[in-house]
Amino acid sequence: MMNYTDEPHGIFFLIDNKSFYASVESIERGLNPLQSILVVMSEQANTNGGLVLATSPQAKKLFGIRNVDRWRDLPHDQRLLIVPPRMNLYIRKSLAINQIFTHFAAENDIYPYSIDESILDMTHSWQLFGQTPQQAARCIQLAVRQQLGLYTTVGIGENPLQAKLALDLFAKHSPELIGTLTYQTFTKHVWPITDLTSVWSIGKQTAARLNHLGIHQIKSLALADPFELQKEFGIIGTQLFALAWGIDRSQLQESLPIKHHSLENSQVLPRDYTDQAEIEIVIREIGQQVASRLRHRHLVTSCLHLGIGFSLTAKTDHPGFAHELKVSATDDTFEINRQLLFIFRRYWQYEPLRQIRIGLSQLSPKTGDQLSLFTPPEKQIKKVMFNQVIDQIRDRFGTSAIMYANSLGHGGTFRQRIGLVGGHNGGNSFE
């Protein structure tokens, strides 16, 4: 058995808002989140592309709807309420929930993990709210329920990893919506698990590779040779070994320096794009977005990336292509788009498209504008000033205040994407 004496010991809560988007929409409509039959659906009007973003517990139970289902997969049942997303509303509710947490833990001990999950280091405060961590967790659940109407699920562990596994594996199936793991109980409750993909951080490919090594149970993973795991998976192998023993040495209070490795924007197209002119409009639009982000960070790029995802209707064995191109350091929208179109025209073979991804890498601080000997200085300075004016107008009056004329053409998506948050509708009212 593992000697846990020298491992970090604390009390951590990982709190999840149950079916968050669907629950918020239910409450806004005066419905009980646990009884409503509701799904949050993106792109409702597009019968080929609408995607289920969230499902209420009752809708899951009655119809087996999953968050990966499409519009065409939904049952034709009058009881099912289908609503569009309102991302700005969900962000406000998420902030309100984390504000409630500040009554139970210091702000420095609250770590938002996602829009609907947060990690709370309750090591120094849980005793103020109950005789056990479970009682403290219940106090938090009741506070969120009374103030916002939302149900929360709590995983409790001696480190953040244990709290996460307690949440996913046990709390979500508990009547109290609370689950607990400790170093002493970890092997008893987690080692028997044979569905490796049910454990956080183990995906289908990793599970398949573990199965190939003869590992079909978490216990087998824990008892495997850690050096063999590292040989097979690299550093991930070491992490998998620690996972199987419930060990997590991360220090959440340590702030990591932000490094500008790359910038990227991607877009899933609302339909199959086959016309070259339409595709190039969207490439220019995304190129403008990433170039603007680059300038706001006072950086230049020396490498451009273009990724193209084909439609499922494409008659090819490849899902798409991705290529990069080295360029002279620049933050100029026109130069970036010119080179992106060069990549596209070189490799596209008229396949129908459904996704475009553009990235900028090899970033470095901008120290000035390098003039070329082959272009009149006046023309180069005019480009720099033009980019600056566009950025200034949008900063002051909003992104929609000014746009390029080609975005008005058939196939342009700029106008439709204004106001989207995380790629989804940010709306503030019923639609």
Protein backbone atom coordinates (compact mmCIF):
# COMPACT_ATOMS: atom_id res chain seq x y z
CA MET A 1 0.00 0.00 0.00
CA MET A 2 1.00 3.62 -0.55
CA ASN A 3 2.38 5.64 2.36
CA TYR A 4 0.32 8.84 2.35
CA THR A 5 2.04 10.42 5.34
CA ASP A 6 3.99 12.97 3.35
CA GLU A 7 1.18 13.74 0.87
CA PRO A 8 -0.77 17.03 1.17
CA HIS A 9 -3.80 16.70 3.45
CA GLY A 10 -6.64 19.22 3.39
CA ILE A 11 -10.39 19.52 2.89
CA PHE A 12 -11.43 20.46 -0.64
CA PHE A 13 -14.92 20.83 -2.10
CA LEU A 14 -15.54 20.61 -5.83
CA ILE A 15 -19.01 22.06 -6.37
CA ASP A 16 -20.97 21.52 -9.55
CA ASN A 17 -24.21 23.24 -10.52
CA LYS A 18 -26.52 20.44 -11.61
CA SER A 19 -27.48 20.72 -15.30
CA PHE A 20 -26.47 24.37 -15.06
CA TYR A 21 -27.77 25.94 -18.29
CA ALA A 22 -31.01 23.95 -18.21
CA SER A 23 -31.52 24.70 -14.51
CA VAL A 24 -31.05 28.44 -15.00
CA GLU A 25 -33.53 28.44 -17.88
CA SER A 26 -36.02 26.47 -15.78
CA ILE A 27 -35.81 28.93 -12.88
CA GLU A 28 -36.21 31.90 -15.22
CA ARG A 29 -39.49 30.33 -16.35
CA GLY A 30 -40.71 29.55 -12.83
CA LEU A 31 -40.08 25.81 -13.19
CA ASN A 32 -38.44 23.38 -10.78
CA PRO A 33 -35.04 22.44 -12.27
CA LEU A 34 -35.43 18.81 -11.19
CA GLN A 35 -38.95 18.47 -12.63
CA SER A 36 -38.81 20.54 -15.82
CA ILE A 37 -38.53 18.80 -19.19
CA LEU A 38 -36.20 21.16 -21.02
CA VAL A 39 -33.16 21.29 -23.27
CA VAL A 40 -30.96 24.23 -24.25
CA MET A 41 -30.34 23.99 -27.98
CA SER A 42 -28.01 25.97 -30.21
CA GLU A 43 -29.01 26.87 -33.77
CA GLN A 44 -32.60 25.69 -33.41
CA ALA A 45 -33.51 26.80 -36.92
CA ASN A 46 -30.80 24.64 -38.47
CA THR A 47 -32.17 21.11 -38.46
CA ASN A 48 -28.80 19.71 -39.55
CA GLY A 49 -26.58 21.51 -37.06
CA GLY A 50 -28.49 22.27 -33.87
CA LEU A 51 -26.64 20.92 -30.86
CA VAL A 52 -27.97 20.13 -27.38
CA LEU A 53 -25.91 22.17 -24.89
CA ALA A 54 -27.72 21.17 -21.70
CA THR A 55 -30.51 18.82 -20.66
CA SER A 56 -32.63 18.91 -17.53
CA PRO A 57 -32.48 15.75 -15.36
CA GLN A 58 -36.10 14.90 -16.19
CA ALA A 59 -35.52 15.23 -19.94
CA LYS A 60 -32.55 12.87 -19.62
CA LYS A 61 -34.65 10.40 -17.68
CA LEU A 62 -37.69 10.45 -19.99
CA PHE A 63 -36.01 10.64 -23.39
CA GLY A 64 -32.35 9.74 -22.85
CA ILE A 65 -31.26 13.04 -24.38
CA ARG A 66 -27.52 13.66 -24.21
CA ASN A 67 -25.53 16.86 -24.54
CA VAL A 68 -24.08 15.64 -27.84
CA ASP A 69 -27.44 15.06 -29.53
CA ARG A 70 -28.59 17.04 -32.56
CA TRP A 71 -31.89 18.71 -33.34
CA ARG A 72 -32.89 15.76 -35.51
CA ASP A 73 -32.40 13.36 -32.57
CA LEU A 74 -34.94 15.06 -30.29
CA PRO A 75 -38.31 13.36 -29.72
CA HIS A 76 -41.46 14.99 -31.05
CA ASP A 77 -43.11 15.40 -27.67
CA GLN A 78 -45.14 18.45 -26.65
CA ARG A 79 -43.85 18.19 -23.09
CA LEU A 80 -40.29 18.91 -24.19
CA LEU A 81 -39.41 22.61 -23.97
CA ILE A 82 -36.60 23.65 -26.33
CA VAL A 83 -34.92 26.98 -25.62
CA PRO A 84 -31.93 28.89 -27.06
CA PRO A 85 -28.84 29.57 -24.94
CA ARG A 86 -28.27 32.86 -23.12
CA MET A 87 -24.59 32.81 -22.24
CA ASN A 88 -24.51 36.25 -20.63
CA LEU A 89 -27.22 35.11 -18.20
CA TYR A 90 -25.26 31.97 -17.31
CA ILE A 91 -22.12 34.02 -16.68
CA ARG A 92 -24.02 36.34 -14.32
CA LYS A 93 -25.44 33.36 -12.42
CA SER A 94 -21.99 31.76 -12.21
CA LEU A 95 -20.57 34.95 -10.72
CA ALA A 96 -23.47 35.10 -8.24
CA ILE A 97 -22.82 31.52 -7.15
CA ASN A 98 -19.13 32.17 -6.57
CA GLN A 99 -20.10 35.25 -4.58
CA ILE A 100 -22.14 33.01 -2.28
CA PHE A 101 -19.07 30.82 -1.80
CA THR A 102 -17.21 33.81 -0.33
CA HIS A 103 -19.42 33.45 2.76
CA PHE A 104 -17.88 30.03 3.36
CA ALA A 105 -14.26 30.41 2.24
CA ALA A 106 -11.78 33.22 1.69
CA GLU A 107 -11.74 34.63 -1.85
CA ASN A 108 -8.17 33.38 -2.27
CA ASP A 109 -9.41 29.85 -1.52
CA ILE A 110 -12.07 29.84 -4.26
CA TYR A 111 -10.97 28.63 -7.68
CA PRO A 112 -13.53 28.65 -10.55
CA TYR A 113 -12.89 25.45 -12.50
CA SER A 114 -15.43 26.12 -15.26
CA ILE A 115 -18.60 28.15 -15.68
CA ASP A 116 -20.52 25.62 -13.56
CA GLU A 117 -17.82 24.16 -11.29
CA SER A 118 -15.62 25.64 -8.56
CA ILE A 119 -12.98 24.28 -6.21
CA LEU A 120 -13.11 25.50 -2.62
CA ASP A 121 -10.20 24.98 -0.23
CA MET A 122 -12.21 24.54 2.98
CA THR A 123 -9.26 23.32 5.06
CA HIS A 124 -9.33 26.31 7.37
CA SER A 125 -13.04 27.16 7.39
CA TRP A 126 -15.24 24.07 7.19
CA GLN A 127 -15.46 23.73 11.00
CA LEU A 128 -17.32 27.05 11.14
CA PHE A 129 -20.31 25.49 9.38
CA GLY A 130 -20.70 22.02 10.84
CA GLN A 131 -19.19 19.18 12.79
CA THR A 132 -18.23 17.37 9.60
CA PRO A 133 -17.23 18.51 6.10
CA GLN A 134 -20.47 16.96 4.86
CA GLN A 135 -22.50 19.28 7.10
CA ALA A 136 -20.55 22.27 5.81
CA ALA A 137 -21.23 21.15 2.25
CA ARG A 138 -24.93 20.90 3.05
CA CYS A 139 -24.90 24.51 4.31
CA ILE A 140 -23.46 25.66 0.98
CA GLN A 141 -26.05 23.67 -0.97
CA LEU A 142 -28.89 25.22 1.01
CA ALA A 143 -27.50 28.75 0.59
CA VAL A 144 -27.30 28.41 -3.19
CA ARG A 145 -30.73 26.78 -3.33
CA GLN A 146 -32.40 29.47 -1.20
CA GLN A 147 -30.78 32.44 -2.93
CA LEU A 148 -30.73 31.30 -6.56
CA GLY A 149 -32.97 28.25 -6.76
CA LEU A 150 -30.16 26.07 -8.11
CA TYR A 151 -29.21 22.58 -6.98
CA THR A 152 -25.52 21.90 -6.40
CA THR A 153 -23.52 18.69 -6.18
CA VAL A 154 -20.46 18.53 -3.92
CA GLY A 155 -17.43 16.25 -4.07
CA ILE A 156 -15.26 16.25 -0.95
CA GLY A 157 -11.66 15.08 -0.82
CA GLU A 158 -8.35 15.57 0.92
CA ASN A 159 -6.99 17.07 -2.31
CA PRO A 160 -8.58 18.54 -5.45
CA LEU A 161 -8.26 15.26 -7.40
CA GLN A 162 -10.13 13.29 -4.77
CA ALA A 163 -12.82 15.99 -4.66
CA LYS A 164 -13.24 15.79 -8.45
CA LEU A 165 -13.52 12.01 -8.46
CA ALA A 166 -15.89 12.08 -5.48
CA LEU A 167 -18.07 14.51 -7.43
CA ASP A 168 -18.14 12.60 -10.72
CA LEU A 169 -18.27 9.04 -9.41
CA PHE A 170 -20.39 9.28 -6.27
CA ALA A 171 -21.96 12.67 -5.48
CA LYS A 172 -23.98 12.85 -8.69
CA HIS A 173 -25.63 9.52 -7.80
CA SER A 174 -26.21 10.27 -4.12
CA PRO A 175 -29.63 11.38 -2.77
CA GLU A 176 -27.86 14.16 -0.84
CA LEU A 177 -25.78 15.07 -3.92
CA ILE A 178 -22.65 14.81 -1.76
CA GLY A 179 -19.79 12.33 -2.18
CA THR A 180 -16.57 11.90 -0.20
CA LEU A 181 -13.17 10.32 -0.82
CA THR A 182 -10.15 10.18 1.47
CA TYR A 183 -6.76 8.55 1.30
CA GLN A 184 -8.08 5.76 3.53
CA THR A 185 -11.24 5.06 1.47
CA PHE A 186 -9.81 5.68 -1.99
CA THR A 187 -8.69 2.14 -2.79
CA LYS A 188 -11.96 0.66 -1.51
CA HIS A 189 -14.21 2.86 -3.64
CA VAL A 190 -12.16 3.64 -6.75
CA TRP A 191 -10.00 0.59 -7.38
CA PRO A 192 -12.96 -1.70 -8.33
CA ILE A 193 -13.93 0.57 -11.25
CA THR A 194 -13.63 -1.22 -14.60
CA ASP A 195 -15.08 1.48 -16.85
CA LEU A 196 -11.86 3.46 -17.13
CA THR A 197 -13.47 6.26 -19.15
CA SER A 198 -15.78 7.05 -16.23
CA VAL A 199 -12.73 8.34 -14.34
CA TRP A 200 -11.77 11.96 -14.91
CA SER A 201 -8.91 12.52 -17.40
CA ILE A 202 -9.09 9.02 -18.95
CA GLY A 203 -10.52 9.25 -22.46
CA LYS A 204 -11.36 6.51 -24.91
CA GLN A 205 -7.94 6.47 -26.58
CA THR A 206 -6.09 6.39 -23.26
CA ALA A 207 -8.38 3.62 -22.01
CA ALA A 208 -7.73 1.62 -25.20
CA ARG A 209 -3.97 1.96 -24.74
CA LEU A 210 -4.27 0.89 -21.11
CA ASN A 211 -6.38 -2.11 -22.15
CA HIS A 212 -3.66 -3.02 -24.65
CA LEU A 213 -1.24 -3.14 -21.69
CA GLY A 214 -3.61 -5.48 -19.86
CA ILE A 215 -5.00 -2.78 -17.58
CA HIS A 216 -8.80 -3.04 -17.35
CA GLN A 217 -9.36 -1.83 -13.80
CA ILE A 218 -8.17 1.13 -11.71
CA LYS A 219 -6.59 -1.34 -9.30
CA SER A 220 -4.53 -2.78 -12.14
CA LEU A 221 -3.42 0.75 -13.04
CA ALA A 222 -2.37 1.39 -9.43
CA LEU A 223 -0.37 -1.83 -9.28
CA ALA A 224 1.28 -1.36 -12.68
CA ASP A 225 4.97 -0.54 -12.99
CA PRO A 226 5.12 3.29 -12.99
CA PHE A 227 8.27 3.23 -15.13
CA GLU A 228 6.48 1.17 -17.77
CA LEU A 229 3.58 3.63 -17.72
CA GLN A 230 5.99 6.52 -18.15
CA LYS A 231 7.68 4.71 -21.01
CA GLU A 232 4.35 4.19 -22.75
CA PHE A 233 2.65 7.54 -22.03
CA GLY A 234 5.45 9.93 -21.05
CA ILE A 235 4.62 12.33 -18.24
CA ILE A 236 0.95 11.36 -18.61
CA GLY A 237 1.88 7.87 -17.44
CA THR A 238 3.16 9.28 -14.15
CA GLN A 239 -0.05 11.28 -13.76
CA LEU A 240 -2.16 8.18 -14.41
CA PHE A 241 -0.25 6.27 -11.73
CA ALA A 242 -0.82 9.09 -9.22
CA LEU A 243 -4.49 9.23 -10.23
CA ALA A 244 -4.95 5.55 -9.42
CA TRP A 245 -3.66 6.19 -5.89
CA GLY A 246 -5.63 9.41 -5.33
CA ILE A 247 -2.48 11.54 -5.14
CA ASP A 248 -2.53 15.22 -6.13
CA ARG A 249 0.35 17.51 -5.17
CA SER A 250 -0.86 20.59 -7.03
CA GLN A 251 -0.81 23.88 -5.13
CA LEU A 252 -3.84 25.88 -6.21
CA GLN A 253 -2.65 29.07 -4.56
CA GLU A 254 0.42 29.25 -6.79
CA SER A 255 -0.21 31.68 -9.65
CA LEU A 256 1.27 30.61 -12.98
CA PRO A 257 2.88 33.20 -15.25
CA ILE A 258 0.92 33.84 -18.44
CA LYS A 259 2.88 32.96 -21.53
CA HIS A 260 1.86 33.99 -25.04
CA HIS A 261 2.41 30.74 -26.87
CA SER A 262 -0.24 31.24 -29.56
CA LEU A 263 -3.57 32.84 -30.43
CA GLU A 264 -6.35 30.95 -32.13
CA ASN A 265 -9.91 31.43 -33.38
CA SER A 266 -12.07 28.73 -34.89
CA GLN A 267 -15.57 28.53 -36.25
CA VAL A 268 -18.00 25.73 -37.04
CA LEU A 269 -19.87 26.83 -40.14
CA PRO A 270 -23.69 26.85 -40.08
CA ARG A 271 -23.83 24.72 -43.24
CA ASP A 272 -21.56 23.04 -45.76
CA TYR A 273 -19.47 25.61 -47.64
CA THR A 274 -18.41 24.66 -51.16
CA ASP A 275 -18.05 28.04 -52.89
CA GLN A 276 -14.48 29.37 -52.79
CA ALA A 277 -15.53 33.01 -52.53
CA GLU A 278 -17.77 32.28 -49.51
CA ILE A 279 -15.06 30.28 -47.79
CA GLU A 280 -12.50 33.03 -48.30
CA ILE A 281 -14.87 35.59 -46.79
CA VAL A 282 -14.98 33.57 -43.57
CA ILE A 283 -11.19 33.07 -43.57
CA ARG A 284 -10.76 36.85 -43.84
CA GLU A 285 -13.26 37.42 -41.02
CA ILE A 286 -11.47 35.04 -38.66
CA GLY A 287 -8.11 36.43 -39.76
CA GLN A 288 -9.31 39.91 -38.79
CA GLN A 289 -10.32 38.64 -35.35
CA VAL A 290 -7.00 37.00 -34.49
CA ALA A 291 -5.01 39.93 -35.95
CA SER A 292 -6.96 42.34 -33.76
CA ARG A 293 -6.30 40.19 -30.68
CA LEU A 294 -2.61 40.19 -31.62
CA ARG A 295 -2.44 43.98 -31.79
CA HIS A 296 -4.29 44.42 -28.50
CA ARG A 297 -1.57 42.35 -26.85
CA HIS A 298 1.17 44.38 -28.58
CA LEU A 299 2.57 41.25 -30.23
CA VAL A 300 3.63 40.15 -33.69
CA THR A 301 3.51 36.68 -35.22
CA SER A 302 6.03 34.82 -37.32
CA CYS A 303 4.00 31.68 -38.05
CA LEU A 304 0.44 31.25 -39.37
CA HIS A 305 -1.69 28.13 -39.03
CA LEU A 306 -4.75 27.25 -41.11
CA GLY A 307 -6.89 24.23 -40.26
CA ILE A 308 -9.80 23.11 -42.42
CA GLY A 309 -12.40 20.56 -41.34
CA PHE A 310 -14.35 18.81 -44.06
CA SER A 311 -18.06 18.09 -43.96
CA LEU A 312 -19.22 14.54 -43.31
CA THR A 313 -20.51 14.59 -46.89
CA ALA A 314 -16.97 15.01 -48.25
CA LYS A 315 -15.90 12.05 -50.37
CA THR A 316 -12.47 11.69 -48.83
CA ASP A 317 -10.68 9.56 -46.28
CA HIS A 318 -9.32 12.62 -44.49
CA PRO A 319 -11.27 14.77 -42.01
CA GLY A 320 -9.51 17.89 -43.29
CA PHE A 321 -6.07 19.43 -43.46
CA ALA A 322 -3.85 21.71 -41.39
CA HIS A 323 -0.77 23.58 -42.54
CA GLU A 324 1.46 26.36 -41.26
CA LEU A 325 3.57 29.01 -42.94
CA LYS A 326 6.53 31.01 -41.64
CA VAL A 327 6.26 34.74 -42.32
CA SER A 328 8.12 37.91 -41.46
CA ALA A 329 7.01 39.20 -38.06
CA THR A 330 3.75 41.11 -38.52
CA ASP A 331 0.47 42.17 -36.92
CA ASP A 332 -1.04 43.48 -40.17
CA THR A 333 -4.51 42.14 -40.97
CA PHE A 334 -3.99 42.39 -44.73
CA GLU A 335 -0.67 40.50 -44.69
CA ILE A 336 -2.00 37.81 -42.36
CA ASN A 337 -5.07 37.26 -44.53
CA ARG A 338 -3.03 37.27 -47.72
CA GLN A 339 -0.85 34.45 -46.45
CA LEU A 340 -3.81 32.50 -45.03
CA LEU A 341 -5.51 32.60 -48.42
CA PHE A 342 -2.25 31.43 -50.02
CA ILE A 343 -2.29 28.34 -47.78
CA PHE A 344 -5.96 27.67 -48.47
CA ARG A 345 -5.68 27.96 -52.24
CA ARG A 346 -2.66 25.71 -52.29
CA TYR A 347 -4.19 22.78 -50.42
CA TRP A 348 -7.96 22.94 -50.91
CA GLN A 349 -9.29 20.45 -53.46
CA TYR A 350 -12.91 21.67 -53.53
CA GLU A 351 -14.08 19.50 -50.62
CA PRO A 352 -17.16 20.79 -48.73
CA LEU A 353 -16.13 22.55 -45.50
CA ARG A 354 -17.70 22.67 -42.05
CA GLN A 355 -14.94 24.11 -39.86
CA ILE A 356 -12.17 26.72 -40.16
CA ARG A 357 -9.43 27.23 -37.60
CA ILE A 358 -6.76 29.95 -37.71
CA GLY A 359 -3.83 30.26 -35.33
CA LEU A 360 -0.88 32.58 -34.85
CA SER A 361 2.29 31.32 -33.15
CA GLN A 362 5.93 32.24 -32.61
CA LEU A 363 4.71 35.41 -30.96
CA SER A 364 7.05 38.15 -29.81
CA PRO A 365 6.63 41.66 -28.39
CA LYS A 366 6.08 44.40 -30.93
CA THR A 367 8.91 46.96 -30.77
CA GLY A 368 8.01 48.88 -33.92
CA ASP A 369 6.91 48.55 -37.54
CA GLN A 370 9.51 47.22 -39.94
CA LEU A 371 9.30 48.97 -43.32
CA SER A 372 10.01 47.05 -46.51
CA LEU A 373 12.28 48.40 -49.24
CA PHE A 374 9.96 46.99 -51.89
CA THR A 375 6.83 48.95 -50.89
CA PRO A 376 6.48 52.75 -50.73
CA PRO A 377 6.75 53.89 -47.07
CA GLU A 378 3.56 55.95 -47.38
CA LYS A 379 1.57 52.87 -48.34
CA GLN A 380 2.96 50.84 -45.43
CA ILE A 381 2.29 53.58 -42.89
CA LYS A 382 -1.24 53.94 -44.25
CA LYS A 383 -1.86 50.23 -43.54
CA VAL A 384 -0.62 50.58 -39.97
CA MET A 385 -2.83 53.59 -39.36
CA PHE A 386 -5.82 51.88 -40.97
CA ASN A 387 -5.54 48.88 -38.60
CA GLN A 388 -5.24 51.23 -35.64
CA VAL A 389 -8.34 53.20 -36.64
CA ILE A 390 -10.42 50.01 -37.03
CA ASP A 391 -9.31 48.80 -33.59
CA GLN A 392 -10.04 52.15 -31.96
CA ILE A 393 -13.54 52.38 -33.44
CA ARG A 394 -14.43 48.88 -32.28
CA ASP A 395 -12.94 49.43 -28.83
CA ARG A 396 -15.04 52.56 -28.35
CA PHE A 397 -18.31 51.70 -30.08
CA GLY A 398 -18.35 47.88 -30.16
CA THR A 399 -17.37 45.20 -32.64
CA SER A 400 -20.46 45.78 -34.77
CA ALA A 401 -19.70 49.49 -35.27
CA ILE A 402 -17.66 48.83 -38.39
CA MET A 403 -17.15 45.86 -40.68
CA TYR A 404 -15.56 45.03 -43.99
CA ALA A 405 -17.90 45.05 -46.99
CA ASN A 406 -17.19 41.42 -47.90
CA SER A 407 -18.90 40.37 -44.65
CA LEU A 408 -22.15 41.57 -46.20
CA GLY A 409 -21.74 39.04 -48.99
CA HIS A 410 -23.43 35.66 -49.14
CA GLY A 411 -21.60 33.29 -46.80
CA GLY A 412 -20.28 35.94 -44.42
CA THR A 413 -20.81 35.10 -40.76
CA PHE A 414 -19.53 38.25 -39.03
CA ARG A 415 -22.96 39.80 -38.44
CA GLN A 416 -24.47 36.54 -37.19
CA ARG A 417 -21.62 36.02 -34.72
CA ILE A 418 -21.74 39.49 -33.17
CA GLY A 419 -22.88 39.11 -29.58
CA LEU A 420 -22.03 35.40 -29.36
CA VAL A 421 -20.32 34.27 -26.17
CA GLY A 422 -18.25 31.11 -26.41
CA GLY A 423 -19.73 30.55 -29.86
CA HIS A 424 -23.31 30.64 -28.58
CA ASN A 425 -26.10 33.16 -28.22
CA GLY A 426 -25.43 35.62 -25.41
CA GLY A 427 -29.08 36.86 -25.36
CA ASN A 428 -30.62 38.57 -22.37
CA SER A 429 -34.28 37.74 -22.89
CA PHE A 430 -36.59 34.95 -24.01
CA GLU A 431 -36.37 34.31 -27.71
